Amino acid sequence: MAKDVELRGWTAMIYVADSRDVAGAVRRSQRLHWTPKDGQAEAESWASELGHEIVWQSVDDLTLIGRMPGHFIVVASILLPKGVRRAAPGKKGSQAQRASPA
């Protein structure tokens, strides 16, 4: 019997450093990425808009931390839901689909 593959997505989030007023990310991925490199690329585009480069550090296999003046970035992995996608509450019609990295 083949083992089910656990599909993961990657998200990037940017936070303001040294600020007690900010409780969450000031910018985050609107769509999950299939690879950490894609999450890093999105974060690097944000850094470019701010005129900075990111210095990356790997925390573990599922988390990268990036630092730049005034901000830090987290690129993290999350497991995708198991099974068939269900329609959101209040949505009409069936939207049953399986996640695919294609």
N, C-alpha and C. Protein backbone atom coordinates (compact mmCIF):
# COMPACT_ATOMS: atom_id res chain seq x y z
N MET A 1 0.85 -1.18 0.00
CA MET A 1 0.00 0.00 0.00
C MET A 1 0.89 1.24 0.00
N ALA A 2 0.63 2.16 -0.90
CA ALA A 2 1.43 3.38 -1.01
C ALA A 2 1.05 4.36 0.10
N LYS A 3 2.08 5.01 0.63
CA LYS A 3 1.85 6.01 1.68
C LYS A 3 1.37 7.32 1.05
N ASP A 4 0.37 7.93 1.67
CA ASP A 4 -0.14 9.22 1.18
C ASP A 4 0.95 10.28 1.33
N VAL A 5 1.09 11.09 0.31
CA VAL A 5 2.04 12.19 0.35
C VAL A 5 1.38 13.37 1.06
N GLU A 6 2.08 13.93 2.01
CA GLU A 6 1.58 15.10 2.74
C GLU A 6 1.99 16.35 1.96
N LEU A 7 1.06 16.97 1.27
CA LEU A 7 1.37 18.17 0.49
C LEU A 7 1.50 19.38 1.40
N ARG A 8 2.48 20.21 1.10
CA ARG A 8 2.75 21.42 1.90
C ARG A 8 2.68 22.64 1.01
N GLY A 9 2.29 23.73 1.63
CA GLY A 9 2.36 25.04 0.99
C GLY A 9 3.32 25.90 1.79
N TRP A 10 3.81 26.95 1.18
CA TRP A 10 4.74 27.88 1.83
C TRP A 10 4.17 29.28 1.77
N THR A 11 4.29 30.02 2.85
CA THR A 11 3.79 31.38 2.90
C THR A 11 4.89 32.31 3.41
N ALA A 12 4.86 33.54 2.95
CA ALA A 12 5.81 34.56 3.40
C ALA A 12 5.04 35.63 4.17
N MET A 13 5.66 36.11 5.25
CA MET A 13 5.06 37.17 6.06
C MET A 13 6.17 38.15 6.44
N ILE A 14 5.86 39.45 6.38
CA ILE A 14 6.84 40.46 6.77
C ILE A 14 6.30 41.21 7.99
N TYR A 15 7.18 41.43 8.95
CA TYR A 15 6.84 42.09 10.21
C TYR A 15 7.75 43.30 10.41
N VAL A 16 7.26 44.29 11.13
CA VAL A 16 8.07 45.43 11.52
C VAL A 16 8.88 45.02 12.74
N ALA A 17 10.18 45.26 12.70
CA ALA A 17 11.03 44.96 13.85
C ALA A 17 11.02 46.15 14.80
N ASP A 18 11.25 45.88 16.07
CA ASP A 18 11.37 46.94 17.09
C ASP A 18 10.13 47.81 17.21
N SER A 19 8.95 47.23 17.04
CA SER A 19 7.72 48.00 17.19
C SER A 19 6.75 47.24 18.09
N ARG A 20 6.35 47.85 19.16
CA ARG A 20 5.38 47.21 20.05
C ARG A 20 3.95 47.40 19.57
N ASP A 21 3.77 48.28 18.59
CA ASP A 21 2.44 48.59 18.10
C ASP A 21 1.92 47.57 17.10
N VAL A 22 2.81 46.84 16.45
CA VAL A 22 2.40 45.90 15.42
C VAL A 22 2.25 44.51 16.03
N ALA A 23 1.05 43.96 15.95
CA ALA A 23 0.77 42.66 16.56
C ALA A 23 0.80 41.53 15.53
N GLY A 24 0.83 41.84 14.26
CA GLY A 24 0.82 40.81 13.23
C GLY A 24 1.60 41.24 12.02
N ALA A 25 1.56 40.41 11.01
CA ALA A 25 2.29 40.70 9.79
C ALA A 25 1.73 41.96 9.13
N VAL A 26 2.64 42.77 8.59
CA VAL A 26 2.20 43.95 7.86
C VAL A 26 1.95 43.62 6.39
N ARG A 27 2.45 42.47 5.97
CA ARG A 27 2.19 41.99 4.61
C ARG A 27 2.39 40.48 4.62
N ARG A 28 1.56 39.77 3.88
CA ARG A 28 1.67 38.32 3.82
C ARG A 28 1.26 37.83 2.44
N SER A 29 1.72 36.63 2.12
CA SER A 29 1.35 36.02 0.84
C SER A 29 -0.17 35.91 0.74
N GLN A 30 -0.70 36.23 -0.40
CA GLN A 30 -2.12 36.07 -0.64
C GLN A 30 -2.44 34.65 -1.14
N ARG A 31 -1.41 33.96 -1.62
CA ARG A 31 -1.57 32.60 -2.12
C ARG A 31 -0.38 31.78 -1.63
N LEU A 32 -0.62 30.55 -1.27
CA LEU A 32 0.48 29.67 -0.86
C LEU A 32 1.39 29.38 -2.04
N HIS A 33 2.64 29.10 -1.74
CA HIS A 33 3.63 28.72 -2.74
C HIS A 33 3.94 27.24 -2.58
N TRP A 34 4.38 26.58 -3.66
CA TRP A 34 4.71 25.16 -3.60
C TRP A 34 6.11 24.92 -3.06
N THR A 35 6.99 25.92 -3.11
CA THR A 35 8.37 25.73 -2.64
C THR A 35 8.79 26.90 -1.75
N PRO A 36 9.77 26.66 -0.87
CA PRO A 36 10.27 27.77 -0.06
C PRO A 36 10.95 28.84 -0.92
N LYS A 37 11.58 28.43 -2.01
CA LYS A 37 12.24 29.41 -2.89
C LYS A 37 11.23 30.39 -3.48
N ASP A 38 10.02 29.91 -3.79
CA ASP A 38 8.98 30.80 -4.31
C ASP A 38 8.52 31.78 -3.24
N GLY A 39 8.41 31.32 -1.99
CA GLY A 39 8.07 32.21 -0.88
C GLY A 39 9.16 33.25 -0.66
N GLN A 40 10.42 32.83 -0.74
CA GLN A 40 11.54 33.76 -0.61
C GLN A 40 11.51 34.80 -1.73
N ALA A 41 11.23 34.36 -2.94
CA ALA A 41 11.19 35.28 -4.08
C ALA A 41 10.13 36.35 -3.87
N GLU A 42 8.97 35.96 -3.36
CA GLU A 42 7.93 36.95 -3.10
C GLU A 42 8.40 37.96 -2.06
N ALA A 43 9.00 37.46 -0.98
CA ALA A 43 9.51 38.36 0.07
C ALA A 43 10.60 39.27 -0.46
N GLU A 44 11.45 38.75 -1.33
CA GLU A 44 12.52 39.56 -1.91
C GLU A 44 11.96 40.68 -2.79
N SER A 45 10.81 40.43 -3.42
CA SER A 45 10.19 41.50 -4.21
C SER A 45 9.68 42.61 -3.28
N TRP A 46 9.17 42.24 -2.10
CA TRP A 46 8.74 43.25 -1.12
C TRP A 46 9.94 44.06 -0.65
N ALA A 47 11.05 43.36 -0.36
CA ALA A 47 12.26 44.03 0.11
C ALA A 47 12.77 45.01 -0.95
N SER A 48 12.69 44.60 -2.21
CA SER A 48 13.13 45.47 -3.31
C SER A 48 12.29 46.75 -3.36
N GLU A 49 10.99 46.61 -3.13
CA GLU A 49 10.12 47.79 -3.09
C GLU A 49 10.54 48.75 -1.99
N LEU A 50 11.09 48.20 -0.88
CA LEU A 50 11.53 49.02 0.25
C LEU A 50 12.99 49.45 0.11
N GLY A 51 13.66 48.99 -0.96
CA GLY A 51 15.04 49.37 -1.19
C GLY A 51 16.04 48.61 -0.35
N HIS A 52 15.70 47.37 0.05
CA HIS A 52 16.59 46.58 0.91
C HIS A 52 16.83 45.20 0.32
N GLU A 53 17.87 44.57 0.82
CA GLU A 53 18.13 43.15 0.53
C GLU A 53 17.92 42.37 1.81
N ILE A 54 17.55 41.11 1.68
CA ILE A 54 17.28 40.25 2.82
C ILE A 54 18.47 39.33 3.09
N VAL A 55 18.82 39.19 4.34
CA VAL A 55 19.81 38.21 4.78
C VAL A 55 19.02 37.03 5.36
N TRP A 56 19.14 35.85 4.72
CA TRP A 56 18.33 34.68 5.09
C TRP A 56 19.06 33.77 6.06
N GLN A 57 18.28 33.14 6.93
CA GLN A 57 18.78 32.14 7.88
C GLN A 57 17.75 31.02 7.95
N SER A 58 18.22 29.78 7.85
CA SER A 58 17.33 28.63 7.96
C SER A 58 17.20 28.26 9.43
N VAL A 59 15.97 28.24 9.93
CA VAL A 59 15.71 27.86 11.32
C VAL A 59 15.62 26.34 11.42
N ASP A 60 14.88 25.74 10.50
CA ASP A 60 14.74 24.29 10.41
C ASP A 60 14.24 23.98 9.00
N ASP A 61 13.83 22.75 8.75
CA ASP A 61 13.39 22.37 7.40
C ASP A 61 12.09 23.05 6.97
N LEU A 62 11.38 23.66 7.91
CA LEU A 62 10.07 24.21 7.60
C LEU A 62 9.97 25.72 7.81
N THR A 63 11.09 26.37 8.20
CA THR A 63 11.02 27.79 8.51
C THR A 63 12.31 28.49 8.11
N LEU A 64 12.16 29.62 7.40
CA LEU A 64 13.27 30.50 7.07
C LEU A 64 12.98 31.87 7.69
N ILE A 65 14.02 32.52 8.18
CA ILE A 65 13.90 33.87 8.71
C ILE A 65 14.78 34.78 7.86
N GLY A 66 14.23 35.90 7.46
CA GLY A 66 15.00 36.89 6.73
C GLY A 66 15.03 38.19 7.51
N ARG A 67 16.16 38.87 7.45
CA ARG A 67 16.29 40.13 8.16
C ARG A 67 16.72 41.22 7.19
N MET A 68 16.16 42.40 7.41
CA MET A 68 16.55 43.61 6.68
C MET A 68 16.27 44.78 7.60
N PRO A 69 16.82 45.95 7.31
CA PRO A 69 16.63 47.09 8.22
C PRO A 69 15.14 47.38 8.50
N GLY A 70 14.77 47.34 9.77
CA GLY A 70 13.42 47.69 10.19
C GLY A 70 12.37 46.61 10.06
N HIS A 71 12.72 45.48 9.47
CA HIS A 71 11.74 44.41 9.24
C HIS A 71 12.39 43.04 9.38
N PHE A 72 11.55 42.05 9.63
CA PHE A 72 12.00 40.66 9.50
C PHE A 72 10.92 39.89 8.76
N ILE A 73 11.33 38.83 8.09
CA ILE A 73 10.45 38.04 7.24
C ILE A 73 10.46 36.61 7.72
N VAL A 74 9.31 35.97 7.71
CA VAL A 74 9.19 34.55 8.01
C VAL A 74 8.63 33.87 6.77
N VAL A 75 9.32 32.85 6.28
CA VAL A 75 8.80 31.99 5.23
C VAL A 75 8.61 30.63 5.90
N ALA A 76 7.36 30.19 5.99
CA ALA A 76 7.05 28.98 6.74
C ALA A 76 6.18 28.03 5.93
N SER A 77 6.28 26.77 6.28
CA SER A 77 5.51 25.73 5.60
C SER A 77 4.30 25.35 6.44
N ILE A 78 3.25 24.95 5.75
CA ILE A 78 2.04 24.47 6.42
C ILE A 78 1.48 23.32 5.59
N LEU A 79 0.96 22.31 6.27
CA LEU A 79 0.35 21.18 5.57
C LEU A 79 -0.96 21.63 4.93
N LEU A 80 -1.20 21.16 3.72
CA LEU A 80 -2.48 21.42 3.07
C LEU A 80 -3.52 20.48 3.67
N PRO A 81 -4.80 20.86 3.60
CA PRO A 81 -5.84 19.99 4.16
C PRO A 81 -5.84 18.62 3.49
N LYS A 82 -6.24 17.61 4.24
CA LYS A 82 -6.37 16.27 3.68
C LYS A 82 -7.72 16.12 3.02
N GLY A 83 -7.80 15.19 2.07
CA GLY A 83 -9.08 14.84 1.48
C GLY A 83 -9.51 15.77 0.37
N VAL A 84 -10.79 15.73 0.12
CA VAL A 84 -11.40 16.50 -0.96
C VAL A 84 -11.77 17.88 -0.46
N ARG A 85 -11.50 18.88 -1.27
CA ARG A 85 -11.85 20.26 -0.91
C ARG A 85 -13.35 20.40 -0.84
N ARG A 86 -13.82 21.00 0.25
CA ARG A 86 -15.26 21.24 0.42
C ARG A 86 -15.58 22.68 0.07
N ALA A 87 -16.80 22.90 -0.38
CA ALA A 87 -17.25 24.25 -0.67
C ALA A 87 -17.33 25.05 0.63
N ALA A 88 -17.00 26.31 0.54
CA ALA A 88 -17.10 27.19 1.71
C ALA A 88 -18.56 27.35 2.10
N PRO A 89 -18.84 27.55 3.38
CA PRO A 89 -20.23 27.74 3.81
C PRO A 89 -20.88 28.89 3.02
N GLY A 90 -22.09 28.65 2.58
CA GLY A 90 -22.82 29.68 1.85
C GLY A 90 -22.56 29.70 0.36
N LYS A 91 -21.64 28.86 -0.11
CA LYS A 91 -21.34 28.80 -1.55
C LYS A 91 -22.23 27.76 -2.21
N LYS A 92 -22.72 28.08 -3.40
CA LYS A 92 -23.55 27.14 -4.14
C LYS A 92 -22.67 26.30 -5.05
N GLY A 93 -23.12 25.09 -5.32
CA GLY A 93 -22.41 24.22 -6.24
C GLY A 93 -21.30 23.45 -5.55
N SER A 94 -20.86 22.43 -6.22
CA SER A 94 -19.80 21.58 -5.68
C SER A 94 -18.45 22.07 -6.18
N GLN A 95 -17.52 22.22 -5.27
CA GLN A 95 -16.17 22.61 -5.64
C GLN A 95 -15.19 21.55 -5.18
N ALA A 96 -15.56 20.29 -5.30
CA ALA A 96 -14.70 19.21 -4.82
C ALA A 96 -13.49 19.08 -5.75
N GLN A 97 -12.32 19.30 -5.18
CA GLN A 97 -11.07 19.19 -5.94
C GLN A 97 -9.99 18.68 -5.00
N ARG A 98 -9.02 17.98 -5.55
CA ARG A 98 -7.86 17.57 -4.79
C ARG A 98 -6.74 18.56 -5.08
N ALA A 99 -5.92 18.82 -4.07
CA ALA A 99 -4.76 19.69 -4.25
C ALA A 99 -3.77 19.02 -5.17
N SER A 100 -3.15 19.79 -6.03
CA SER A 100 -2.18 19.26 -6.98
C SER A 100 -1.05 20.25 -7.14
N PRO A 101 0.20 19.80 -7.07
CA PRO A 101 1.32 20.73 -7.21
C PRO A 101 1.59 21.14 -8.64
N ALA A 102 0.79 20.73 -9.59
CA ALA A 102 1.03 21.03 -11.00
C ALA A 102 0.81 22.49 -11.34
